[in-house]
Each structure stands twice: as C-alpha cells, then as structure tokens.
Amino acid sequence: MLKTVHIEAPAHNGLFAVQMDIGVNQPGAPVLHISLSVCPDTRQLTGTGQLLANTRSHSFGITYLKGYCFSMPVTAAVEFPNVLIIMGVPYLAPRFSNAVPQPNMEIFLELDNAWKSGFCTYKYESDCAWYTVARVPAGFMEPRMLASVV
C-alpha cells in the first residue's frame, strides 16, 4: 500500500541548543554564559552556566541548569514571547558531604521568536549572600566563544 507524503508538512522538531551571553556590555556587571538543550515537546531544558565577574569575590565556576520554557502568544504588545525559568545548582557537592546541593542561581529569561536575543534577570549566591542582576541584555553566543565556556 502506498503512503502519501506531504512535503509542506513541518518536520518533527527535536532537541535544539541555545547558547547565550548575558550582560556582556554592562560595565561592572557580571557576565553569564549559558548553554542549554531545549526539548520543545516537554518544554524542559537542561544545560550549564558560568558566571564571570570583574570582582573575584562574586565569580564562581560552572553550575548545572534545569528549567522550563513557555511561549506566549505573538502579538504587537509582546516583543519577547519565549519565557525561560531556570534553576541552577552546583555541579559537585562538597567532598565528604551528605548534604544535597542547594540552588545557587535563579534565571528568568525572555527571548524573541528566533531565540537569539532578549533580556534576563537572574539571582546568584556567592559567599552565603544572594545578588540580583536585573534586566540585562541577552544575546546569541558566537560559536568561536563556546570553547571558553568549558
């Protein structure tokens, strides 16, 4: 039996990657590099993040990110319809510790339809204190910069 194939039918979308630089051109603000894998079917995302700061006391290593994404209806009033809510935890627990790693980062990211630019508000923990960076620009990370994240 022959099967009809419709060429114009969209292909099934699988996982896709998103790499973003957050707060790059903000003087004095830390820079956050994130690399995410997004599953559009479940709206779940996982990845890594690295915060680099001008002051040594506020920078920390790589954090494991996990969260969800939501899409708002595209209208003239909504410029950034993709919303990502992400929680970060340290990759490794302290040695010889039975404690469960506690979150060290919270990210609220708004992106455009192409997932290439937007704005981000995030909180991070450093030396038992929480710091907030509000509404900084987020942009697509150039491929040549990906090697510096790892």
N, C-alpha and C. Protein backbone atom coordinates (compact mmCIF):
# COMPACT_ATOMS: atom_id res chain seq x y z
N MET A 1 0.84 -1.17 0.00
CA MET A 1 0.00 0.00 0.00
C MET A 1 0.89 1.24 0.00
N LEU A 2 0.61 2.20 -0.84
CA LEU A 2 1.39 3.42 -0.94
C LEU A 2 0.90 4.44 0.09
N LYS A 3 1.84 5.20 0.58
CA LYS A 3 1.54 6.21 1.58
C LYS A 3 1.78 7.58 0.97
N THR A 4 0.90 8.52 1.20
CA THR A 4 1.05 9.87 0.69
C THR A 4 1.90 10.69 1.65
N VAL A 5 2.90 11.36 1.12
CA VAL A 5 3.78 12.20 1.93
C VAL A 5 3.54 13.65 1.52
N HIS A 6 3.25 14.48 2.50
CA HIS A 6 3.04 15.91 2.24
C HIS A 6 4.34 16.65 2.52
N ILE A 7 4.95 17.18 1.48
CA ILE A 7 6.23 17.86 1.62
C ILE A 7 6.10 19.13 2.46
N GLU A 8 4.98 19.82 2.35
CA GLU A 8 4.85 21.08 3.08
C GLU A 8 4.58 20.88 4.56
N ALA A 9 4.34 19.64 5.01
CA ALA A 9 4.11 19.39 6.43
C ALA A 9 5.40 19.62 7.20
N PRO A 10 5.33 20.32 8.34
CA PRO A 10 6.56 20.57 9.10
C PRO A 10 7.13 19.29 9.68
N ALA A 11 8.43 19.21 9.70
CA ALA A 11 9.10 18.04 10.28
C ALA A 11 8.98 18.10 11.80
N HIS A 12 9.08 16.96 12.43
CA HIS A 12 9.04 16.90 13.88
C HIS A 12 10.26 17.60 14.45
N ASN A 13 10.02 18.57 15.31
CA ASN A 13 11.13 19.31 15.91
C ASN A 13 11.63 18.56 17.14
N GLY A 14 12.91 18.27 17.17
CA GLY A 14 13.51 17.61 18.32
C GLY A 14 14.27 18.60 19.17
N LEU A 15 15.21 18.09 19.92
CA LEU A 15 16.04 18.93 20.77
C LEU A 15 16.78 19.99 19.95
N PHE A 16 16.96 21.15 20.54
CA PHE A 16 17.81 22.16 19.92
C PHE A 16 18.62 22.84 21.00
N ALA A 17 19.74 23.43 20.60
CA ALA A 17 20.66 24.06 21.54
C ALA A 17 20.53 25.58 21.49
N VAL A 18 20.73 26.19 22.64
CA VAL A 18 20.72 27.65 22.77
C VAL A 18 21.94 28.03 23.60
N GLN A 19 22.78 28.90 23.05
CA GLN A 19 23.93 29.43 23.78
C GLN A 19 23.77 30.94 23.85
N MET A 20 23.84 31.49 25.06
CA MET A 20 23.61 32.92 25.25
C MET A 20 24.71 33.54 26.11
N ASP A 21 25.03 34.79 25.78
CA ASP A 21 25.85 35.67 26.61
C ASP A 21 24.90 36.66 27.24
N ILE A 22 24.96 36.80 28.55
CA ILE A 22 24.04 37.68 29.27
C ILE A 22 24.84 38.74 30.00
N GLY A 23 24.54 40.00 29.70
CA GLY A 23 25.19 41.12 30.36
C GLY A 23 26.59 41.43 29.89
N VAL A 24 26.91 41.17 28.62
CA VAL A 24 28.27 41.35 28.12
C VAL A 24 28.72 42.81 28.14
N ASN A 25 27.92 43.72 27.67
CA ASN A 25 28.33 45.12 27.53
C ASN A 25 27.85 46.00 28.68
N GLN A 26 27.63 45.41 29.84
CA GLN A 26 27.19 46.17 31.01
C GLN A 26 28.38 46.42 31.93
N PRO A 27 28.86 47.67 32.04
CA PRO A 27 30.05 47.93 32.85
C PRO A 27 29.81 47.58 34.32
N GLY A 28 30.75 46.82 34.88
CA GLY A 28 30.68 46.45 36.29
C GLY A 28 29.80 45.25 36.59
N ALA A 29 28.96 44.85 35.67
CA ALA A 29 28.05 43.73 35.91
C ALA A 29 28.74 42.42 35.56
N PRO A 30 28.38 41.34 36.26
CA PRO A 30 28.94 40.05 35.88
C PRO A 30 28.41 39.59 34.53
N VAL A 31 29.15 38.71 33.88
CA VAL A 31 28.74 38.15 32.59
C VAL A 31 28.37 36.69 32.82
N LEU A 32 27.20 36.31 32.34
CA LEU A 32 26.72 34.95 32.47
C LEU A 32 26.70 34.29 31.10
N HIS A 33 27.39 33.16 30.97
CA HIS A 33 27.37 32.36 29.75
C HIS A 33 26.50 31.14 30.04
N ILE A 34 25.48 30.90 29.21
CA ILE A 34 24.66 29.70 29.39
C ILE A 34 24.61 28.90 28.09
N SER A 35 24.54 27.61 28.24
CA SER A 35 24.41 26.70 27.12
C SER A 35 23.31 25.71 27.49
N LEU A 36 22.23 25.68 26.71
CA LEU A 36 21.05 24.89 27.06
C LEU A 36 20.65 23.95 25.93
N SER A 37 20.10 22.81 26.30
CA SER A 37 19.41 21.92 25.37
C SER A 37 17.93 22.04 25.69
N VAL A 38 17.13 22.32 24.67
CA VAL A 38 15.70 22.56 24.85
C VAL A 38 14.91 21.47 24.14
N CYS A 39 13.95 20.89 24.83
CA CYS A 39 13.04 19.91 24.24
C CYS A 39 11.69 20.59 24.06
N PRO A 40 11.30 20.92 22.82
CA PRO A 40 10.04 21.64 22.61
C PRO A 40 8.80 20.82 22.97
N ASP A 41 8.90 19.50 22.92
CA ASP A 41 7.73 18.67 23.24
C ASP A 41 7.37 18.74 24.72
N THR A 42 8.37 18.64 25.59
CA THR A 42 8.12 18.65 27.04
C THR A 42 8.32 20.03 27.66
N ARG A 43 8.89 20.95 26.89
CA ARG A 43 9.20 22.31 27.35
C ARG A 43 10.23 22.32 28.47
N GLN A 44 11.03 21.27 28.56
CA GLN A 44 12.08 21.20 29.56
C GLN A 44 13.42 21.59 28.94
N LEU A 45 14.30 22.11 29.78
CA LEU A 45 15.63 22.46 29.32
C LEU A 45 16.65 22.12 30.38
N THR A 46 17.83 21.74 29.93
CA THR A 46 18.96 21.47 30.82
C THR A 46 20.21 22.04 30.19
N GLY A 47 21.20 22.28 31.00
CA GLY A 47 22.44 22.80 30.46
C GLY A 47 23.40 23.24 31.54
N THR A 48 24.30 24.13 31.15
CA THR A 48 25.30 24.64 32.07
C THR A 48 25.34 26.16 32.01
N GLY A 49 25.83 26.75 33.08
CA GLY A 49 26.02 28.18 33.15
C GLY A 49 27.31 28.51 33.85
N GLN A 50 27.93 29.58 33.44
CA GLN A 50 29.16 30.03 34.08
C GLN A 50 29.08 31.53 34.27
N LEU A 51 29.29 31.97 35.50
CA LEU A 51 29.24 33.39 35.84
C LEU A 51 30.66 33.90 35.99
N LEU A 52 30.97 34.96 35.26
CA LEU A 52 32.29 35.59 35.35
C LEU A 52 32.08 37.03 35.79
N ALA A 53 32.77 37.41 36.84
CA ALA A 53 32.59 38.76 37.38
C ALA A 53 33.91 39.50 37.39
N ASN A 54 33.80 40.84 37.44
CA ASN A 54 35.01 41.66 37.50
C ASN A 54 35.70 41.53 38.85
N THR A 55 34.91 41.36 39.90
CA THR A 55 35.49 41.19 41.23
C THR A 55 35.60 39.71 41.54
N ARG A 56 36.69 39.31 42.11
CA ARG A 56 36.96 37.90 42.37
C ARG A 56 35.95 37.30 43.33
N SER A 57 35.43 38.08 44.27
CA SER A 57 34.54 37.53 45.29
C SER A 57 33.19 37.08 44.75
N HIS A 58 32.79 37.57 43.59
CA HIS A 58 31.47 37.23 43.08
C HIS A 58 31.48 36.23 41.93
N SER A 59 32.60 35.69 41.56
CA SER A 59 32.60 34.74 40.46
C SER A 59 32.61 33.32 41.00
N PHE A 60 31.94 32.43 40.30
CA PHE A 60 32.00 31.03 40.67
C PHE A 60 32.05 30.20 39.42
N GLY A 61 32.30 28.91 39.59
CA GLY A 61 32.52 28.03 38.46
C GLY A 61 31.24 27.68 37.72
N ILE A 62 31.24 26.52 37.14
CA ILE A 62 30.13 26.09 36.30
C ILE A 62 29.00 25.56 37.17
N THR A 63 27.78 25.90 36.82
CA THR A 63 26.60 25.44 37.52
C THR A 63 25.71 24.64 36.57
N TYR A 64 25.01 23.67 37.09
CA TYR A 64 24.09 22.84 36.31
C TYR A 64 22.74 23.54 36.28
N LEU A 65 22.17 23.72 35.10
CA LEU A 65 20.91 24.43 34.94
C LEU A 65 19.80 23.47 34.52
N LYS A 66 18.61 23.68 35.08
CA LYS A 66 17.45 22.90 34.71
C LYS A 66 16.23 23.80 34.85
N GLY A 67 15.32 23.70 33.87
CA GLY A 67 14.15 24.56 33.94
C GLY A 67 13.13 24.24 32.88
N TYR A 68 12.25 25.22 32.65
CA TYR A 68 11.14 25.09 31.72
C TYR A 68 11.06 26.34 30.85
N CYS A 69 10.46 26.18 29.67
CA CYS A 69 10.22 27.33 28.80
C CYS A 69 8.74 27.39 28.46
N PHE A 70 8.26 28.59 28.27
CA PHE A 70 6.87 28.84 27.93
C PHE A 70 6.83 29.79 26.75
N SER A 71 5.83 29.66 25.92
CA SER A 71 5.65 30.57 24.80
C SER A 71 4.35 31.33 24.98
N MET A 72 4.45 32.65 24.89
CA MET A 72 3.26 33.49 24.97
C MET A 72 2.79 33.76 23.56
N PRO A 73 1.51 34.10 23.39
CA PRO A 73 1.02 34.41 22.05
C PRO A 73 1.78 35.59 21.45
N VAL A 74 2.07 35.50 20.16
CA VAL A 74 2.80 36.56 19.48
C VAL A 74 1.82 37.66 19.11
N THR A 75 2.00 38.81 19.72
CA THR A 75 1.18 39.99 19.42
C THR A 75 2.11 41.19 19.32
N ALA A 76 1.57 42.29 18.90
CA ALA A 76 2.39 43.51 18.80
C ALA A 76 2.87 43.96 20.18
N ALA A 77 2.10 43.66 21.23
CA ALA A 77 2.47 44.09 22.57
C ALA A 77 3.54 43.20 23.19
N VAL A 78 3.70 41.99 22.69
CA VAL A 78 4.67 41.05 23.25
C VAL A 78 5.88 40.96 22.32
N GLU A 79 6.97 41.61 22.73
CA GLU A 79 8.17 41.63 21.90
C GLU A 79 9.02 40.38 22.10
N PHE A 80 9.03 39.84 23.32
CA PHE A 80 9.83 38.67 23.64
C PHE A 80 8.91 37.57 24.17
N PRO A 81 8.35 36.73 23.27
CA PRO A 81 7.31 35.78 23.66
C PRO A 81 7.80 34.51 24.34
N ASN A 82 9.09 34.20 24.28
CA ASN A 82 9.60 32.97 24.89
C ASN A 82 10.15 33.27 26.28
N VAL A 83 9.60 32.62 27.28
CA VAL A 83 9.99 32.84 28.67
C VAL A 83 10.63 31.57 29.20
N LEU A 84 11.84 31.69 29.77
CA LEU A 84 12.54 30.56 30.35
C LEU A 84 12.72 30.81 31.83
N ILE A 85 12.35 29.83 32.64
CA ILE A 85 12.53 29.90 34.08
C ILE A 85 13.49 28.77 34.44
N ILE A 86 14.66 29.13 34.98
CA ILE A 86 15.75 28.18 35.15
C ILE A 86 16.28 28.25 36.57
N MET A 87 16.61 27.08 37.13
CA MET A 87 17.22 26.99 38.45
C MET A 87 18.60 26.36 38.28
N GLY A 88 19.60 26.87 38.96
CA GLY A 88 20.95 26.34 38.89
C GLY A 88 21.39 25.76 40.21
N VAL A 89 22.10 24.65 40.15
CA VAL A 89 22.70 24.04 41.34
C VAL A 89 24.16 23.74 41.04
N PRO A 90 25.00 23.72 42.06
CA PRO A 90 26.41 23.40 41.81
C PRO A 90 26.55 22.01 41.20
N TYR A 91 27.55 21.86 40.36
CA TYR A 91 27.78 20.57 39.71
C TYR A 91 28.18 19.50 40.71
N LEU A 92 29.06 19.83 41.60
CA LEU A 92 29.58 18.84 42.53
C LEU A 92 29.30 19.26 43.96
N ALA A 93 28.86 18.29 44.77
CA ALA A 93 28.68 18.56 46.19
C ALA A 93 30.05 18.63 46.85
N PRO A 94 30.15 19.33 47.99
CA PRO A 94 31.44 19.36 48.68
C PRO A 94 31.88 17.93 49.04
N ARG A 95 33.18 17.72 49.02
CA ARG A 95 33.71 16.38 49.33
C ARG A 95 33.30 15.93 50.71
N PHE A 96 33.03 14.65 50.83
CA PHE A 96 32.68 14.01 52.09
C PHE A 96 31.47 14.65 52.75
N SER A 97 30.53 15.07 51.95
CA SER A 97 29.32 15.71 52.47
C SER A 97 28.11 14.88 52.08
N ASN A 98 27.20 14.73 53.01
CA ASN A 98 25.93 14.06 52.74
C ASN A 98 24.85 15.07 52.38
N ALA A 99 25.19 16.33 52.39
CA ALA A 99 24.22 17.38 52.11
C ALA A 99 23.86 17.41 50.63
N VAL A 100 22.61 17.67 50.34
CA VAL A 100 22.15 17.83 48.97
C VAL A 100 22.51 19.24 48.51
N PRO A 101 23.11 19.39 47.33
CA PRO A 101 23.46 20.73 46.87
C PRO A 101 22.22 21.62 46.77
N GLN A 102 22.33 22.81 47.31
CA GLN A 102 21.25 23.78 47.28
C GLN A 102 21.38 24.67 46.05
N PRO A 103 20.26 25.20 45.54
CA PRO A 103 20.34 26.09 44.37
C PRO A 103 21.27 27.27 44.61
N ASN A 104 22.02 27.62 43.57
CA ASN A 104 22.91 28.77 43.68
C ASN A 104 22.62 29.82 42.60
N MET A 105 21.57 29.59 41.80
CA MET A 105 21.23 30.54 40.75
C MET A 105 19.77 30.39 40.34
N GLU A 106 19.10 31.51 40.09
CA GLU A 106 17.75 31.54 39.54
C GLU A 106 17.77 32.49 38.35
N ILE A 107 17.22 32.03 37.21
CA ILE A 107 17.27 32.81 35.98
C ILE A 107 15.87 32.96 35.41
N PHE A 108 15.50 34.19 35.04
CA PHE A 108 14.27 34.48 34.32
C PHE A 108 14.68 35.14 33.01
N LEU A 109 14.48 34.44 31.89
CA LEU A 109 14.99 34.87 30.59
C LEU A 109 13.84 35.05 29.61
N GLU A 110 13.78 36.19 28.94
CA GLU A 110 12.78 36.48 27.91
C GLU A 110 13.50 36.58 26.57
N LEU A 111 13.10 35.73 25.60
CA LEU A 111 13.77 35.70 24.30
C LEU A 111 12.78 35.97 23.17
N ASP A 112 13.31 36.42 22.03
CA ASP A 112 12.48 36.65 20.86
C ASP A 112 12.12 35.32 20.19
N ASN A 113 11.37 35.39 19.09
CA ASN A 113 10.93 34.17 18.39
C ASN A 113 12.08 33.31 17.88
N ALA A 114 13.19 33.92 17.50
CA ALA A 114 14.33 33.18 16.97
C ALA A 114 15.25 32.65 18.07
N TRP A 115 14.96 32.95 19.33
CA TRP A 115 15.77 32.54 20.47
C TRP A 115 17.19 33.11 20.35
N LYS A 116 17.34 34.33 19.82
CA LYS A 116 18.66 34.90 19.60
C LYS A 116 18.95 36.12 20.47
N SER A 117 17.91 36.80 20.97
CA SER A 117 18.14 37.98 21.79
C SER A 117 16.98 38.17 22.76
N GLY A 118 17.24 38.95 23.79
CA GLY A 118 16.20 39.22 24.77
C GLY A 118 16.78 39.88 26.00
N PHE A 119 16.10 39.67 27.13
CA PHE A 119 16.51 40.26 28.40
C PHE A 119 16.48 39.19 29.48
N CYS A 120 17.31 39.39 30.50
CA CYS A 120 17.44 38.40 31.56
C CYS A 120 17.54 39.08 32.92
N THR A 121 16.88 38.50 33.90
CA THR A 121 17.04 38.87 35.30
C THR A 121 17.45 37.60 36.01
N TYR A 122 18.52 37.68 36.79
CA TYR A 122 18.97 36.49 37.50
C TYR A 122 19.51 36.82 38.88
N LYS A 123 19.43 35.82 39.75
CA LYS A 123 19.98 35.90 41.10
C LYS A 123 21.03 34.81 41.22
N TYR A 124 22.09 35.10 41.95
CA TYR A 124 23.11 34.09 42.20
C TYR A 124 23.61 34.22 43.62
N GLU A 125 24.08 33.09 44.16
CA GLU A 125 24.57 33.03 45.53
C GLU A 125 26.09 32.96 45.51
N SER A 126 26.71 33.79 46.32
CA SER A 126 28.15 33.79 46.45
C SER A 126 28.50 34.15 47.89
N ASP A 127 29.27 33.32 48.54
CA ASP A 127 29.68 33.55 49.93
C ASP A 127 28.49 33.77 50.85
N CYS A 128 27.50 32.91 50.73
CA CYS A 128 26.29 32.91 51.58
C CYS A 128 25.45 34.17 51.45
N ALA A 129 25.59 34.91 50.37
CA ALA A 129 24.75 36.08 50.11
C ALA A 129 24.21 35.98 48.69
N TRP A 130 22.99 36.47 48.49
CA TRP A 130 22.36 36.46 47.16
C TRP A 130 22.48 37.82 46.52
N TYR A 131 22.81 37.85 45.23
CA TYR A 131 22.94 39.07 44.45
C TYR A 131 21.98 38.99 43.27
N THR A 132 21.41 40.12 42.89
CA THR A 132 20.46 40.16 41.77
C THR A 132 21.00 41.06 40.67
N VAL A 133 20.89 40.58 39.44
CA VAL A 133 21.22 41.38 38.26
C VAL A 133 19.93 41.47 37.46
N ALA A 134 19.42 42.69 37.27
CA ALA A 134 18.09 42.88 36.70
C ALA A 134 18.13 43.40 35.28
N ARG A 135 17.33 42.78 34.43
CA ARG A 135 17.02 43.21 33.07
C ARG A 135 18.26 43.59 32.26
N VAL A 136 19.18 42.66 32.13
CA VAL A 136 20.36 42.87 31.30
C VAL A 136 20.13 42.22 29.94
N PRO A 137 20.76 42.74 28.89
CA PRO A 137 20.56 42.16 27.56
C PRO A 137 21.17 40.77 27.45
N ALA A 138 20.48 39.92 26.72
CA ALA A 138 20.96 38.56 26.43
C ALA A 138 21.07 38.44 24.93
N GLY A 139 22.16 37.86 24.46
CA GLY A 139 22.36 37.71 23.03
C GLY A 139 22.98 36.38 22.68
N PHE A 140 22.82 36.01 21.43
CA PHE A 140 23.35 34.76 20.91
C PHE A 140 24.86 34.72 21.09
N MET A 141 25.38 33.61 21.61
CA MET A 141 26.82 33.46 21.79
C MET A 141 27.44 32.98 20.49
N GLU A 142 28.46 33.67 20.04
CA GLU A 142 29.16 33.30 18.83
C GLU A 142 29.83 31.94 19.01
N PRO A 143 29.83 31.08 17.98
CA PRO A 143 30.42 29.75 18.11
C PRO A 143 31.89 29.76 18.53
N ARG A 144 32.64 30.78 18.13
CA ARG A 144 34.07 30.82 18.49
C ARG A 144 34.24 31.02 20.00
N MET A 145 33.20 31.48 20.69
CA MET A 145 33.29 31.72 22.11
C MET A 145 32.90 30.49 22.93
N LEU A 146 32.33 29.48 22.33
CA LEU A 146 31.86 28.33 23.08
C LEU A 146 32.98 27.60 23.78
N ALA A 147 34.16 27.56 23.20
CA ALA A 147 35.28 26.84 23.82
C ALA A 147 35.70 27.49 25.12
N SER A 148 35.48 28.79 25.30
CA SER A 148 35.90 29.46 26.52
C SER A 148 34.96 29.18 27.68
N VAL A 149 33.77 28.65 27.42
CA VAL A 149 32.81 28.38 28.49
C VAL A 149 33.21 27.14 29.26
N VAL A 150 33.72 26.15 28.56
CA VAL A 150 34.02 24.87 29.19
C VAL A 150 35.31 24.90 29.94
